[in-house]
Amino acid sequence: MLSSMANLHFLSFTVLFCLLSVQFCTVSSGALAIWKNHQKRPYHRRPVLSSNQSSCSLFIGTWVRDETYPLYQSSCQIIDPEFNCQMYGRPDSDYLKYRWKPTNCEIPRFNALDFATKMRGKTVMFVGDSLGRNQWQSLICMISAGIPVGSPTQIIRGDPLSTVKFLEYGVTVSFYRAPYLVDIDIVQGKRVLKLDDIGGNANAWRDIIGVARPYQLCTTTPPSPSEWNAGAVTTSKSCYGETTPMSGGGTTYLGGYSDQLRVLETVIRYMNNPPFLLDITLLSAMRKDAHPSIYSGDLTPGQRANPDHSADCSHWCLPGLPDTWNQLFYTALFFLH
């Protein structure tokens, strides 16, 4: 029932509930899983894109250069300093020019006007840690860049709840800070996770969830920099100086992390309402170039001068990788059968 936080250091969970029947939706960041709890489906079924009716493995592929990217600029006002790499001096910009290409299909480009229109009157809530905030800000920027200039918005910053409302469309995008999702107790002077209880954190959405059929999303954090070169000698554990994605689409980059994913997959498979796993772990692990590194507003000049100890290799630059997470979220909501 109780587990020490150290035992779960490799996981960062967030949850997506798309409560379309009551016009509410909750999202999270990091491998993604979608439930439709009104019907059981085979685990990890192959998604079908409505655009071409072909079977598509969304999460096996490569990063390809695309000069039409990024989808928005670093001037997007919602981006926190710790994610705004261009504003804080990152000298290269090639990392902004990559698009995820599944091996045997094309996924639709994010269309902000289409998203806002289809989500009219609904709320998207990201629930999780700072990676959830990373993805929340990404989605806000993606929507803002694609709807008409001057379309009114309302921004409410708070803790644990922050919200942006796109008033013309009645679309609300919120972030609820719950770093571990599950509740935390104090036992013998130590903080421990209650792995079977989210009662405290769930207060923000329990009343709405209880009467709807949600899509739920859970995500895992990609491997750490020390696992980038699995099987090879690693000379540095810092993402500093990385400017291009890893090539290829194999699972080599996951190293020992694949064992942890298999645990997650086994748990999901035996749920009463098994989810379809939107697994962004591999495609994210390939983006060693997309971290803030030392180009973060959270670092002092002294810290920037010592990248091996101070580089942020956990979060992601915006614009950047979380935009692909949201493109896959958009694809899952509106283009999968």
C-alpha atoms as a PDB file:
ATOM      1  CA  MET A   1       0.000   0.000   0.000  1.00  0.00           C
ATOM      2  CA  LEU A   2       2.846   2.331   0.837  1.00  0.00           C
ATOM      3  CA  SER A   3       6.031   2.661  -1.165  1.00  0.00           C
ATOM      4  CA  SER A   4       9.042   4.912  -0.736  1.00  0.00           C
ATOM      5  CA  MET A   5       9.365   7.676  -3.298  1.00  0.00           C
ATOM      6  CA  ALA A   6      12.856   6.457  -4.164  1.00  0.00           C
ATOM      7  CA  ASN A   7      11.410   3.280  -5.644  1.00  0.00           C
ATOM      8  CA  LEU A   8       9.529   5.314  -8.259  1.00  0.00           C
ATOM      9  CA  HIS A   9      12.179   7.831  -9.248  1.00  0.00           C
ATOM     10  CA  PHE A  10      12.007   6.766 -12.895  1.00  0.00           C
ATOM     11  CA  LEU A  11       8.328   7.509 -13.383  1.00  0.00           C
ATOM     12  CA  SER A  12       6.496  10.781 -13.828  1.00  0.00           C
ATOM     13  CA  PHE A  13       2.769  10.322 -14.229  1.00  0.00           C
ATOM     14  CA  THR A  14       0.014  12.584 -15.428  1.00  0.00           C
ATOM     15  CA  VAL A  15      -3.536  11.675 -16.365  1.00  0.00           C
ATOM     16  CA  LEU A  16      -5.854  12.620 -19.241  1.00  0.00           C
ATOM     17  CA  PHE A  17      -9.595  12.410 -18.770  1.00  0.00           C
ATOM     18  CA  CYS A  18     -11.472  13.500 -21.889  1.00  0.00           C
ATOM     19  CA  LEU A  19     -14.946  13.849 -20.475  1.00  0.00           C
ATOM     20  CA  LEU A  20     -16.769  14.679 -23.633  1.00  0.00           C
ATOM     21  CA  SER A  21     -20.202  13.749 -22.309  1.00  0.00           C
ATOM     22  CA  VAL A  22     -20.083  16.511 -19.709  1.00  0.00           C
ATOM     23  CA  GLN A  23     -17.855  18.796 -21.772  1.00  0.00           C
ATOM     24  CA  PHE A  24     -14.782  18.362 -19.600  1.00  0.00           C
ATOM     25  CA  CYS A  25     -11.394  16.923 -20.440  1.00  0.00           C
ATOM     26  CA  THR A  26      -8.248  16.317 -18.348  1.00  0.00           C
ATOM     27  CA  VAL A  27      -4.771  15.722 -19.803  1.00  0.00           C
ATOM     28  CA  SER A  28      -1.335  14.782 -18.519  1.00  0.00           C
ATOM     29  CA  SER A  29       2.193  14.610 -19.839  1.00  0.00           C
ATOM     30  CA  GLY A  30       5.227  12.385 -20.261  1.00  0.00           C
ATOM     31  CA  ALA A  31       4.167   7.463 -22.348  1.00  0.00           C
ATOM     32  CA  LEU A  32       0.533   8.278 -22.968  1.00  0.00           C
ATOM     33  CA  ALA A  33      -2.441   5.981 -22.406  1.00  0.00           C
ATOM     34  CA  ILE A  34      -6.032   6.518 -23.492  1.00  0.00           C
ATOM     35  CA  TRP A  35      -9.022   4.765 -21.972  1.00  0.00           C
ATOM     36  CA  LYS A  36     -12.489   4.525 -23.386  1.00  0.00           C
ATOM     37  CA  ASN A  37     -14.106   3.014 -20.320  1.00  0.00           C
ATOM     38  CA  HIS A  38     -17.426   2.331 -21.989  1.00  0.00           C
ATOM     39  CA  GLN A  39     -15.939  -0.556 -23.974  1.00  0.00           C
ATOM     40  CA  LYS A  40     -13.031  -2.973 -23.689  1.00  0.00           C
ATOM     41  CA  ARG A  41     -10.445  -3.003 -26.423  1.00  0.00           C
ATOM     42  CA  PRO A  42      -7.410  -5.218 -27.061  1.00  0.00           C
ATOM     43  CA  TYR A  43      -4.303  -3.807 -25.444  1.00  0.00           C
ATOM     44  CA  HIS A  44      -2.111  -1.781 -27.812  1.00  0.00           C
ATOM     45  CA  ARG A  45      -4.420  -2.135 -30.782  1.00  0.00           C
ATOM     46  CA  ARG A  46      -3.040  -0.616 -33.970  1.00  0.00           C
ATOM     47  CA  PRO A  47      -4.529   2.836 -34.508  1.00  0.00           C
ATOM     48  CA  VAL A  48      -6.087   3.738 -37.821  1.00  0.00           C
ATOM     49  CA  LEU A  49      -5.841   7.263 -39.178  1.00  0.00           C
ATOM     50  CA  SER A  50      -9.134   8.368 -40.657  1.00  0.00           C
ATOM     51  CA  SER A  51      -7.269  10.359 -43.298  1.00  0.00           C
ATOM     52  CA  ASN A  52      -6.003   7.268 -45.148  1.00  0.00           C
ATOM     53  CA  GLN A  53      -7.687   4.343 -43.388  1.00  0.00           C
ATOM     54  CA  SER A  54      -4.314   2.617 -43.076  1.00  0.00           C
ATOM     55  CA  SER A  55      -2.832   0.866 -40.106  1.00  0.00           C
ATOM     56  CA  CYS A  56      -0.194   2.993 -38.419  1.00  0.00           C
ATOM     57  CA  SER A  57       2.377   2.384 -35.687  1.00  0.00           C
ATOM     58  CA  LEU A  58       2.477   5.884 -34.266  1.00  0.00           C
ATOM     59  CA  PHE A  59       5.443   5.470 -31.965  1.00  0.00           C
ATOM     60  CA  ILE A  60       8.031   3.697 -34.124  1.00  0.00           C
ATOM     61  CA  GLY A  61       9.701   6.039 -36.552  1.00  0.00           C
ATOM     62  CA  THR A  62      12.279   8.753 -37.028  1.00  0.00           C
ATOM     63  CA  TRP A  63      12.683  12.487 -36.637  1.00  0.00           C
ATOM     64  CA  VAL A  64      12.803  14.205 -40.034  1.00  0.00           C
ATOM     65  CA  ARG A  65      13.796  17.766 -40.800  1.00  0.00           C
ATOM     66  CA  ASP A  66      10.891  20.047 -41.689  1.00  0.00           C
ATOM     67  CA  GLU A  67      11.493  23.712 -42.478  1.00  0.00           C
ATOM     68  CA  THR A  68       7.845  24.584 -41.758  1.00  0.00           C
ATOM     69  CA  TYR A  69       8.476  24.025 -38.043  1.00  0.00           C
ATOM     70  CA  PRO A  70       8.152  25.251 -35.311  1.00  0.00           C
ATOM     71  CA  LEU A  71       4.394  25.690 -34.972  1.00  0.00           C
ATOM     72  CA  TYR A  72       4.786  28.885 -32.908  1.00  0.00           C
ATOM     73  CA  GLN A  73       7.495  31.238 -31.667  1.00  0.00           C
ATOM     74  CA  SER A  74       9.263  31.603 -28.329  1.00  0.00           C
ATOM     75  CA  SER A  75       7.452  34.919 -27.854  1.00  0.00           C
ATOM     76  CA  CYS A  76       4.335  32.970 -26.775  1.00  0.00           C
ATOM     77  CA  GLN A  77       3.532  34.706 -23.491  1.00  0.00           C
ATOM     78  CA  ILE A  78       2.647  31.626 -21.433  1.00  0.00           C
ATOM     79  CA  ILE A  79       6.106  29.986 -21.693  1.00  0.00           C
ATOM     80  CA  ASP A  80       7.961  29.914 -18.380  1.00  0.00           C
ATOM     81  CA  PRO A  81      11.597  31.101 -18.344  1.00  0.00           C
ATOM     82  CA  GLU A  82      12.885  27.601 -17.568  1.00  0.00           C
ATOM     83  CA  PHE A  83      11.504  26.317 -20.913  1.00  0.00           C
ATOM     84  CA  ASN A  84      12.238  29.361 -23.084  1.00  0.00           C
ATOM     85  CA  CYS A  85      15.597  28.323 -24.524  1.00  0.00           C
ATOM     86  CA  GLN A  86      15.728  30.896 -27.319  1.00  0.00           C
ATOM     87  CA  MET A  87      15.051  33.784 -24.952  1.00  0.00           C
ATOM     88  CA  TYR A  88      17.832  32.620 -22.655  1.00  0.00           C
ATOM     89  CA  GLY A  89      20.575  32.436 -25.216  1.00  0.00           C
ATOM     90  CA  ARG A  90      20.487  29.084 -26.958  1.00  0.00           C
ATOM     91  CA  PRO A  91      22.660  29.790 -30.008  1.00  0.00           C
ATOM     92  CA  ASP A  92      21.356  27.025 -32.327  1.00  0.00           C
ATOM     93  CA  SER A  93      17.859  26.584 -33.739  1.00  0.00           C
ATOM     94  CA  ASP A  94      18.030  23.332 -35.720  1.00  0.00           C
ATOM     95  CA  TYR A  95      16.306  21.495 -32.854  1.00  0.00           C
ATOM     96  CA  LEU A  96      13.154  23.438 -33.745  1.00  0.00           C
ATOM     97  CA  LYS A  97      13.039  21.990 -37.260  1.00  0.00           C
ATOM     98  CA  TYR A  98      12.194  18.346 -36.631  1.00  0.00           C
ATOM     99  CA  ARG A  99       8.902  16.523 -37.147  1.00  0.00           C
ATOM    100  CA  TRP A 100       8.013  13.019 -35.937  1.00  0.00           C
ATOM    101  CA  LYS A 101       7.505  10.607 -38.848  1.00  0.00           C
ATOM    102  CA  PRO A 102       6.063   7.156 -37.997  1.00  0.00           C
ATOM    103  CA  THR A 103       7.567   4.373 -40.069  1.00  0.00           C
ATOM    104  CA  ASN A 104       4.512   3.524 -42.154  1.00  0.00           C
ATOM    105  CA  CYS A 105       2.218   6.561 -42.112  1.00  0.00           C
ATOM    106  CA  GLU A 106       1.903  10.312 -41.747  1.00  0.00           C
ATOM    107  CA  ILE A 107       0.183  11.863 -38.760  1.00  0.00           C
ATOM    108  CA  PRO A 108      -1.928  14.995 -39.263  1.00  0.00           C
ATOM    109  CA  ARG A 109      -0.369  18.374 -38.648  1.00  0.00           C
ATOM    110  CA  PHE A 110      -1.865  20.097 -35.623  1.00  0.00           C
ATOM    111  CA  ASN A 111      -4.699  22.386 -36.719  1.00  0.00           C
ATOM    112  CA  ALA A 112      -5.480  24.832 -33.925  1.00  0.00           C
ATOM    113  CA  LEU A 113      -8.721  26.097 -35.424  1.00  0.00           C
ATOM    114  CA  ASP A 114      -9.968  22.541 -35.942  1.00  0.00           C
ATOM    115  CA  PHE A 115      -8.975  21.614 -32.378  1.00  0.00           C
ATOM    116  CA  ALA A 116     -10.664  24.673 -30.849  1.00  0.00           C
ATOM    117  CA  THR A 117     -13.823  24.152 -32.887  1.00  0.00           C
ATOM    118  CA  LYS A 118     -14.154  20.459 -32.055  1.00  0.00           C
ATOM    119  CA  MET A 119     -13.390  21.100 -28.370  1.00  0.00           C
ATOM    120  CA  ARG A 120     -15.869  23.970 -28.093  1.00  0.00           C
ATOM    121  CA  GLY A 121     -17.356  24.168 -24.609  1.00  0.00           C
ATOM    122  CA  LYS A 122     -14.898  21.657 -23.174  1.00  0.00           C
ATOM    123  CA  THR A 123     -11.964  21.777 -20.764  1.00  0.00           C
ATOM    124  CA  VAL A 124      -8.564  20.133 -21.101  1.00  0.00           C
ATOM    125  CA  MET A 125      -6.804  19.669 -17.757  1.00  0.00           C
ATOM    126  CA  PHE A 126      -3.191  18.596 -17.396  1.00  0.00           C
ATOM    127  CA  VAL A 127      -2.621  16.933 -14.027  1.00  0.00           C
ATOM    128  CA  GLY A 128       0.931  16.152 -12.982  1.00  0.00           C
ATOM    129  CA  ASP A 129       4.404  17.530 -12.359  1.00  0.00           C
ATOM    130  CA  SER A 130       6.545  20.097 -14.185  1.00  0.00           C
ATOM    131  CA  LEU A 131       6.514  17.941 -17.329  1.00  0.00           C
ATOM    132  CA  GLY A 132       2.748  18.318 -17.289  1.00  0.00           C
ATOM    133  CA  ARG A 133       3.259  22.090 -17.085  1.00  0.00           C
ATOM    134  CA  ASN A 134       5.706  21.771 -20.005  1.00  0.00           C
ATOM    135  CA  GLN A 135       3.023  20.122 -22.146  1.00  0.00           C
ATOM    136  CA  TRP A 136       0.247  22.430 -20.909  1.00  0.00           C
ATOM    137  CA  GLN A 137       2.143  25.514 -22.033  1.00  0.00           C
ATOM    138  CA  SER A 138       2.914  23.851 -25.358  1.00  0.00           C
ATOM    139  CA  LEU A 139      -0.763  23.224 -26.115  1.00  0.00           C
ATOM    140  CA  ILE A 140      -1.707  26.787 -25.199  1.00  0.00           C
ATOM    141  CA  CYS A 141       0.937  28.158 -27.572  1.00  0.00           C
ATOM    142  CA  MET A 142      -0.118  25.784 -30.351  1.00  0.00           C
ATOM    143  CA  ILE A 143      -3.745  26.896 -30.070  1.00  0.00           C
ATOM    144  CA  SER A 144      -2.878  30.584 -29.736  1.00  0.00           C
ATOM    145  CA  ALA A 145      -0.723  30.521 -32.874  1.00  0.00           C
ATOM    146  CA  GLY A 146      -3.452  29.030 -35.046  1.00  0.00           C
ATOM    147  CA  ILE A 147      -6.594  30.942 -34.104  1.00  0.00           C
ATOM    148  CA  PRO A 148      -7.321  34.466 -35.381  1.00  0.00           C
ATOM    149  CA  VAL A 149      -5.132  37.240 -34.009  1.00  0.00           C
ATOM    150  CA  GLY A 150      -6.977  39.176 -31.326  1.00  0.00           C
ATOM    151  CA  SER A 151      -9.199  36.278 -30.301  1.00  0.00           C
ATOM    152  CA  PRO A 152      -9.800  36.986 -26.585  1.00  0.00           C
ATOM    153  CA  THR A 153      -8.147  34.869 -23.907  1.00  0.00           C
ATOM    154  CA  GLN A 154      -8.189  34.882 -20.129  1.00  0.00           C
ATOM    155  CA  ILE A 155      -5.158  33.733 -18.112  1.00  0.00           C
ATOM    156  CA  ILE A 156      -5.473  32.788 -14.441  1.00  0.00           C
ATOM    157  CA  ARG A 157      -2.210  31.768 -12.749  1.00  0.00           C
ATOM    158  CA  GLY A 158      -2.351  29.969  -9.420  1.00  0.00           C
ATOM    159  CA  ASP A 159      -1.061  27.070  -7.363  1.00  0.00           C
ATOM    160  CA  PRO A 160      -1.993  24.262  -7.692  1.00  0.00           C
ATOM    161  CA  LEU A 161      -4.404  25.311 -10.489  1.00  0.00           C
ATOM    162  CA  SER A 162      -3.664  27.534 -13.495  1.00  0.00           C
ATOM    163  CA  THR A 163      -6.077  28.097 -16.373  1.00  0.00           C
ATOM    164  CA  VAL A 164      -6.176  29.677 -19.826  1.00  0.00           C
ATOM    165  CA  LYS A 165      -9.563  30.249 -21.460  1.00  0.00           C
ATOM    166  CA  PHE A 166     -10.062  30.781 -25.181  1.00  0.00           C
ATOM    167  CA  LEU A 167     -13.246  32.784 -24.777  1.00  0.00           C
ATOM    168  CA  GLU A 168     -14.397  32.842 -28.396  1.00  0.00           C
ATOM    169  CA  TYR A 169     -14.472  29.026 -28.486  1.00  0.00           C
ATOM    170  CA  GLY A 170     -15.408  28.251 -24.895  1.00  0.00           C
ATOM    171  CA  VAL A 171     -12.260  26.084 -24.622  1.00  0.00           C
ATOM    172  CA  THR A 172     -10.426  25.954 -21.296  1.00  0.00           C
ATOM    173  CA  VAL A 173      -6.909  24.526 -20.894  1.00  0.00           C
ATOM    174  CA  SER A 174      -5.840  24.014 -17.273  1.00  0.00           C
ATOM    175  CA  PHE A 175      -2.879  22.645 -15.340  1.00  0.00           C
ATOM    176  CA  TYR A 176      -3.292  21.125 -11.871  1.00  0.00           C
ATOM    177  CA  ARG A 177       0.016  20.583 -10.087  1.00  0.00           C
ATOM    178  CA  ALA A 178       0.133  17.113  -8.510  1.00  0.00           C
ATOM    179  CA  PRO A 179       3.744  15.901  -8.835  1.00  0.00           C
ATOM    180  CA  TYR A 180       3.030  12.291  -7.856  1.00  0.00           C
ATOM    181  CA  LEU A 181      -0.713  12.038  -8.629  1.00  0.00           C
ATOM    182  CA  VAL A 182      -1.083   9.643  -5.710  1.00  0.00           C
ATOM    183  CA  ASP A 183      -1.309  10.964  -2.144  1.00  0.00           C
ATOM    184  CA  ILE A 184       1.685  11.373   0.162  1.00  0.00           C
ATOM    185  CA  ASP A 185       1.674  10.411   3.854  1.00  0.00           C
ATOM    186  CA  ILE A 186       4.202  10.869   6.626  1.00  0.00           C
ATOM    187  CA  VAL A 187       5.200   7.509   8.126  1.00  0.00           C
ATOM    188  CA  GLN A 188       7.828   7.396  10.880  1.00  0.00           C
ATOM    189  CA  GLY A 189       9.001  10.842   9.856  1.00  0.00           C
ATOM    190  CA  LYS A 190       9.407   9.944   6.163  1.00  0.00           C
ATOM    191  CA  ARG A 191       7.299  10.950   3.174  1.00  0.00           C
ATOM    192  CA  VAL A 192       5.891   7.906   1.363  1.00  0.00           C
ATOM    193  CA  LEU A 193       3.581   7.480  -1.613  1.00  0.00           C
ATOM    194  CA  LYS A 194       0.161   5.852  -1.162  1.00  0.00           C
ATOM    195  CA  LEU A 195       0.100   4.025  -4.460  1.00  0.00           C
ATOM    196  CA  ASP A 196      -3.558   3.029  -4.181  1.00  0.00           C
ATOM    197  CA  ASP A 197      -4.958   6.428  -3.182  1.00  0.00           C
ATOM    198  CA  ILE A 198      -5.436   9.661  -5.134  1.00  0.00           C
ATOM    199  CA  GLY A 199      -8.211  10.903  -2.865  1.00  0.00           C
ATOM    200  CA  GLY A 200      -6.493  14.160  -1.973  1.00  0.00           C
ATOM    201  CA  ASN A 201      -5.263  15.126  -5.429  1.00  0.00           C
ATOM    202  CA  ALA A 202      -8.498  14.026  -7.106  1.00  0.00           C
ATOM    203  CA  ASN A 203     -10.564  16.693  -5.370  1.00  0.00           C
ATOM    204  CA  ALA A 204      -9.923  19.014  -8.313  1.00  0.00           C
ATOM    205  CA  TRP A 205     -11.791  16.776 -10.771  1.00  0.00           C
ATOM    206  CA  ARG A 206     -13.623  14.031  -8.820  1.00  0.00           C
ATOM    207  CA  ASP A 207     -17.142  15.497  -9.056  1.00  0.00           C
ATOM    208  CA  ILE A 208     -16.998  15.746 -12.842  1.00  0.00           C
ATOM    209  CA  ILE A 209     -15.184  12.474 -13.493  1.00  0.00           C
ATOM    210  CA  GLY A 210     -17.767  10.517 -11.581  1.00  0.00           C
ATOM    211  CA  VAL A 211     -20.515  11.137 -14.118  1.00  0.00           C
ATOM    212  CA  ALA A 212     -18.643  10.813 -17.401  1.00  0.00           C
ATOM    213  CA  ARG A 213     -16.856   8.345 -19.617  1.00  0.00           C
ATOM    214  CA  PRO A 214     -13.285   9.634 -19.694  1.00  0.00           C
ATOM    215  CA  TYR A 215     -10.352   9.242 -21.968  1.00  0.00           C
ATOM    216  CA  GLN A 216      -7.439   8.880 -19.536  1.00  0.00           C
ATOM    217  CA  LEU A 217      -3.821   9.568 -20.295  1.00  0.00           C
ATOM    218  CA  CYS A 218      -0.824   8.473 -18.203  1.00  0.00           C
ATOM    219  CA  THR A 219       2.727   9.275 -19.168  1.00  0.00           C
ATOM    220  CA  THR A 220       6.232   8.198 -18.175  1.00  0.00           C
ATOM    221  CA  THR A 221       9.406  10.233 -18.175  1.00  0.00           C
ATOM    222  CA  PRO A 222      11.943   9.248 -20.883  1.00  0.00           C
ATOM    223  CA  PRO A 223      15.320   7.778 -19.887  1.00  0.00           C
ATOM    224  CA  SER A 224      17.965   9.953 -18.300  1.00  0.00           C
ATOM    225  CA  PRO A 225      20.991  11.227 -20.288  1.00  0.00           C
ATOM    226  CA  SER A 226      23.146   8.445 -18.790  1.00  0.00           C
ATOM    227  CA  GLU A 227      21.047   5.924 -20.751  1.00  0.00           C
ATOM    228  CA  TRP A 228      21.358   7.597 -24.178  1.00  0.00           C
ATOM    229  CA  ASN A 229      24.263   5.386 -25.242  1.00  0.00           C
ATOM    230  CA  ALA A 230      23.111   2.050 -23.898  1.00  0.00           C
ATOM    231  CA  GLY A 231      25.846  -0.514 -24.417  1.00  0.00           C
ATOM    232  CA  ALA A 232      28.451   2.128 -25.204  1.00  0.00           C
ATOM    233  CA  VAL A 233      30.908   4.085 -23.116  1.00  0.00           C
ATOM    234  CA  THR A 234      29.257   7.313 -21.963  1.00  0.00           C
ATOM    235  CA  THR A 235      31.705  10.161 -21.531  1.00  0.00           C
ATOM    236  CA  SER A 236      29.169  12.695 -20.260  1.00  0.00           C
ATOM    237  CA  LYS A 237      25.764  12.594 -18.656  1.00  0.00           C
ATOM    238  CA  SER A 238      24.959  16.169 -19.709  1.00  0.00           C
ATOM    239  CA  CYS A 239      22.735  17.175 -22.622  1.00  0.00           C
ATOM    240  CA  TYR A 240      24.816  20.322 -23.044  1.00  0.00           C
ATOM    241  CA  GLY A 241      26.029  20.807 -26.605  1.00  0.00           C
ATOM    242  CA  GLU A 242      23.621  18.293 -28.189  1.00  0.00           C
ATOM    243  CA  THR A 243      22.156  19.737 -31.400  1.00  0.00           C
ATOM    244  CA  THR A 244      20.599  16.832 -33.348  1.00  0.00           C
ATOM    245  CA  PRO A 245      18.210  13.966 -32.551  1.00  0.00           C
ATOM    246  CA  MET A 246      19.397  10.377 -32.394  1.00  0.00           C
ATOM    247  CA  SER A 247      18.883   8.601 -35.699  1.00  0.00           C
ATOM    248  CA  GLY A 248      17.009   5.369 -36.305  1.00  0.00           C
ATOM    249  CA  GLY A 249      13.887   4.002 -34.705  1.00  0.00           C
ATOM    250  CA  GLY A 250      15.111   1.002 -32.709  1.00  0.00           C
ATOM    251  CA  THR A 251      14.669   0.383 -29.004  1.00  0.00           C
ATOM    252  CA  THR A 252      18.414   0.460 -28.262  1.00  0.00           C
ATOM    253  CA  TYR A 253      18.106   3.887 -26.689  1.00  0.00           C
ATOM    254  CA  LEU A 254      15.795   2.656 -23.967  1.00  0.00           C
ATOM    255  CA  GLY A 255      18.443   0.450 -22.362  1.00  0.00           C
ATOM    256  CA  GLY A 256      17.221  -0.952 -19.052  1.00  0.00           C
ATOM    257  CA  TYR A 257      14.264   1.390 -19.158  1.00  0.00           C
ATOM    258  CA  SER A 258      12.379  -1.086 -21.348  1.00  0.00           C
ATOM    259  CA  ASP A 259      12.019  -3.353 -18.311  1.00  0.00           C
ATOM    260  CA  GLN A 260      10.172  -0.597 -16.489  1.00  0.00           C
ATOM    261  CA  LEU A 261       7.893  -0.090 -19.480  1.00  0.00           C
ATOM    262  CA  ARG A 262       7.049  -3.791 -19.501  1.00  0.00           C
ATOM    263  CA  VAL A 263       5.865  -3.486 -15.894  1.00  0.00           C
ATOM    264  CA  LEU A 264       3.598  -0.619 -16.926  1.00  0.00           C
ATOM    265  CA  GLU A 265       2.287  -2.561 -19.917  1.00  0.00           C
ATOM    266  CA  THR A 266       1.535  -5.618 -17.759  1.00  0.00           C
ATOM    267  CA  VAL A 267      -0.427  -3.533 -15.255  1.00  0.00           C
ATOM    268  CA  ILE A 268      -2.424  -1.878 -18.026  1.00  0.00           C
ATOM    269  CA  ARG A 269      -3.164  -5.194 -19.748  1.00  0.00           C
ATOM    270  CA  TYR A 270      -4.910  -6.595 -16.685  1.00  0.00           C
ATOM    271  CA  MET A 271      -7.063  -3.560 -15.922  1.00  0.00           C
ATOM    272  CA  ASN A 272     -10.811  -4.009 -16.131  1.00  0.00           C
ATOM    273  CA  ASN A 273     -10.940  -1.242 -18.721  1.00  0.00           C
ATOM    274  CA  PRO A 274      -7.545  -1.561 -20.419  1.00  0.00           C
ATOM    275  CA  PRO A 275      -6.153   1.599 -22.019  1.00  0.00           C
ATOM    276  CA  PHE A 276      -4.502   2.023 -25.373  1.00  0.00           C
ATOM    277  CA  LEU A 277      -0.928   3.077 -24.609  1.00  0.00           C
ATOM    278  CA  LEU A 278       0.258   6.190 -26.426  1.00  0.00           C
ATOM    279  CA  ASP A 279       3.911   5.503 -25.781  1.00  0.00           C
ATOM    280  CA  ILE A 280       5.994   8.645 -26.327  1.00  0.00           C
ATOM    281  CA  THR A 281       8.960   7.281 -24.377  1.00  0.00           C
ATOM    282  CA  LEU A 282      11.135   6.209 -27.320  1.00  0.00           C
ATOM    283  CA  LEU A 283      10.474   9.194 -29.556  1.00  0.00           C
ATOM    284  CA  SER A 284      11.263  11.495 -26.637  1.00  0.00           C
ATOM    285  CA  ALA A 285      14.416   9.614 -25.655  1.00  0.00           C
ATOM    286  CA  MET A 286      15.735  10.223 -29.171  1.00  0.00           C
ATOM    287  CA  ARG A 287      15.576  14.004 -28.643  1.00  0.00           C
ATOM    288  CA  LYS A 288      18.722  14.516 -26.611  1.00  0.00           C
ATOM    289  CA  ASP A 289      19.029  17.870 -28.380  1.00  0.00           C
ATOM    290  CA  ALA A 290      15.690  19.246 -27.174  1.00  0.00           C
ATOM    291  CA  HIS A 291      16.405  19.915 -23.477  1.00  0.00           C
ATOM    292  CA  PRO A 292      16.931  23.400 -22.031  1.00  0.00           C
ATOM    293  CA  SER A 293      20.443  22.426 -20.925  1.00  0.00           C
ATOM    294  CA  ILE A 294      21.991  25.665 -19.621  1.00  0.00           C
ATOM    295  CA  TYR A 295      19.609  27.882 -21.603  1.00  0.00           C
ATOM    296  CA  SER A 296      17.069  28.167 -18.837  1.00  0.00           C
ATOM    297  CA  GLY A 297      15.847  31.237 -17.007  1.00  0.00           C
ATOM    298  CA  ASP A 298      16.067  29.266 -13.777  1.00  0.00           C
ATOM    299  CA  LEU A 299      19.890  29.154 -13.827  1.00  0.00           C
ATOM    300  CA  THR A 300      22.357  31.726 -12.530  1.00  0.00           C
ATOM    301  CA  PRO A 301      25.399  32.778 -14.599  1.00  0.00           C
ATOM    302  CA  GLY A 302      27.543  30.625 -12.342  1.00  0.00           C
ATOM    303  CA  GLN A 303      25.408  27.580 -12.977  1.00  0.00           C
ATOM    304  CA  ARG A 304      25.467  28.171 -16.733  1.00  0.00           C
ATOM    305  CA  ALA A 305      29.237  28.152 -16.586  1.00  0.00           C
ATOM    306  CA  ASN A 306      29.185  24.602 -15.184  1.00  0.00           C
ATOM    307  CA  PRO A 307      26.928  22.604 -17.552  1.00  0.00           C
ATOM    308  CA  ASP A 308      28.032  19.147 -16.360  1.00  0.00           C
ATOM    309  CA  HIS A 309      26.438  19.863 -12.984  1.00  0.00           C
ATOM    310  CA  SER A 310      23.704  22.383 -13.831  1.00  0.00           C
ATOM    311  CA  ALA A 311      22.265  21.529 -17.268  1.00  0.00           C
ATOM    312  CA  ASP A 312      18.522  20.822 -17.227  1.00  0.00           C
ATOM    313  CA  CYS A 313      18.213  17.496 -19.063  1.00  0.00           C
ATOM    314  CA  SER A 314      14.756  16.632 -17.711  1.00  0.00           C
ATOM    315  CA  HIS A 315      12.482  19.309 -19.172  1.00  0.00           C
ATOM    316  CA  TRP A 316      12.097  20.387 -22.788  1.00  0.00           C
ATOM    317  CA  CYS A 317      12.516  23.623 -24.709  1.00  0.00           C
ATOM    318  CA  LEU A 318       9.408  25.402 -25.973  1.00  0.00           C
ATOM    319  CA  PRO A 319       8.789  25.425 -28.845  1.00  0.00           C
ATOM    320  CA  GLY A 320       9.996  21.846 -28.980  1.00  0.00           C
ATOM    321  CA  LEU A 321       9.305  18.206 -28.231  1.00  0.00           C
ATOM    322  CA  PRO A 322       6.085  18.644 -26.152  1.00  0.00           C
ATOM    323  CA  ASP A 323       4.475  20.030 -29.311  1.00  0.00           C
ATOM    324  CA  THR A 324       4.755  16.517 -30.779  1.00  0.00           C
ATOM    325  CA  TRP A 325       3.126  15.051 -27.661  1.00  0.00           C
ATOM    326  CA  ASN A 326       0.187  17.370 -28.280  1.00  0.00           C
ATOM    327  CA  GLN A 327       0.120  16.546 -31.973  1.00  0.00           C
ATOM    328  CA  LEU A 328      -0.263  12.889 -30.977  1.00  0.00           C
ATOM    329  CA  PHE A 329      -2.953  13.843 -28.469  1.00  0.00           C
ATOM    330  CA  TYR A 330      -4.801  15.660 -31.280  1.00  0.00           C
ATOM    331  CA  THR A 331      -4.356  12.629 -33.534  1.00  0.00           C
ATOM    332  CA  ALA A 332      -5.657  10.262 -30.846  1.00  0.00           C
ATOM    333  CA  LEU A 333      -8.731  12.376 -30.151  1.00  0.00           C
ATOM    334  CA  PHE A 334      -9.885  12.996 -33.694  1.00  0.00           C
ATOM    335  CA  PHE A 335      -8.184  10.653 -36.184  1.00  0.00           C
ATOM    336  CA  LEU A 336      -8.006   7.175 -34.612  1.00  0.00           C
ATOM    337  CA  HIS A 337     -10.725   4.572 -35.084  1.00  0.00           C
END
